[in-house]
Amino acid sequence: MVDPFERTYEDTQTLAILTRTMQFFQELNRKNINQSERVHERCCAVLRYEFFHKGDIVFNAGEK
């Protein structure tokens, strides 16, 4: 696994390809039609892998 600070442009593009079918990114892309690729790529540039069980709260709306 590559640390986000060491991630190359190619790493980011690979993550974007692998995550584009995830519901979160599909909805994000639909809501941000003009900036969909850029927002998705920016997310992929800083993604970290973490495992959560079904039903776990990952974050709360409005949380900073």
Protein backbone atom coordinates (compact mmCIF):
# COMPACT_ATOMS: atom_id res chain seq x y z
CA MET A 1 0.00 0.00 0.00
CA VAL A 2 1.35 3.41 -0.99
CA ASP A 3 1.23 6.23 1.54
CA PRO A 4 -0.80 9.16 0.14
CA PHE A 5 2.23 11.44 0.45
CA GLU A 6 4.22 9.10 -1.78
CA ARG A 7 1.44 8.44 -4.28
CA THR A 8 2.19 9.21 -7.93
CA TYR A 9 -0.22 10.56 -10.51
CA GLU A 10 -0.43 7.03 -11.95
CA ASP A 11 -1.29 5.63 -8.50
CA THR A 12 -4.08 8.19 -8.19
CA GLN A 13 -5.43 7.33 -11.64
CA THR A 14 -5.42 3.62 -10.79
CA LEU A 15 -7.37 4.28 -7.59
CA ALA A 16 -9.87 6.41 -9.54
CA ILE A 17 -10.43 3.53 -11.97
CA LEU A 18 -10.81 1.00 -9.16
CA THR A 19 -13.23 3.17 -7.15
CA ARG A 20 -15.41 4.67 -9.89
CA THR A 21 -18.07 1.97 -9.47
CA MET A 22 -18.43 2.59 -5.72
CA GLN A 23 -21.79 4.09 -4.83
CA PHE A 24 -20.20 7.03 -2.98
CA PHE A 25 -18.18 8.14 -6.01
CA GLN A 26 -21.04 7.51 -8.44
CA GLU A 27 -23.28 9.80 -6.38
CA LEU A 28 -20.50 12.35 -5.96
CA ASN A 29 -19.90 12.36 -9.71
CA ARG A 30 -23.62 12.81 -10.43
CA LYS A 31 -23.85 15.77 -8.03
CA ASN A 32 -20.69 17.45 -9.34
CA ILE A 33 -21.17 16.94 -13.07
CA ASN A 34 -18.73 19.65 -14.15
CA GLN A 35 -16.03 18.74 -11.64
CA SER A 36 -16.71 15.01 -11.18
CA GLU A 37 -13.37 13.69 -12.39
CA ARG A 38 -11.38 16.33 -10.52
CA VAL A 39 -13.17 15.78 -7.19
CA HIS A 40 -12.90 12.02 -7.54
CA GLU A 41 -9.18 12.22 -8.37
CA ARG A 42 -8.53 14.60 -5.47
CA CYS A 43 -10.20 12.11 -3.13
CA CYS A 44 -8.10 9.27 -4.55
CA ALA A 45 -4.93 11.26 -3.98
CA VAL A 46 -5.47 11.13 -0.20
CA LEU A 47 -7.44 7.90 0.30
CA ARG A 48 -6.34 5.50 3.02
CA TYR A 49 -7.57 1.95 3.42
CA GLU A 50 -9.51 1.24 6.59
CA PHE A 51 -11.83 -1.68 7.29
CA PHE A 52 -15.27 -1.14 8.80
CA HIS A 53 -17.98 -3.64 9.61
CA LYS A 54 -21.41 -3.25 8.04
CA GLY A 55 -23.37 -0.75 10.11
CA ASP A 56 -20.31 0.96 11.60
CA ILE A 57 -20.47 4.76 11.59
CA VAL A 58 -17.60 6.08 9.47
CA PHE A 59 -18.36 9.78 9.96
CA ASN A 60 -21.32 11.96 10.95
CA ALA A 61 -22.80 14.57 8.64
CA GLY A 62 -21.25 17.97 9.37
CA GLU A 63 -18.30 16.48 11.25
CA LYS A 64 -14.97 18.23 10.73
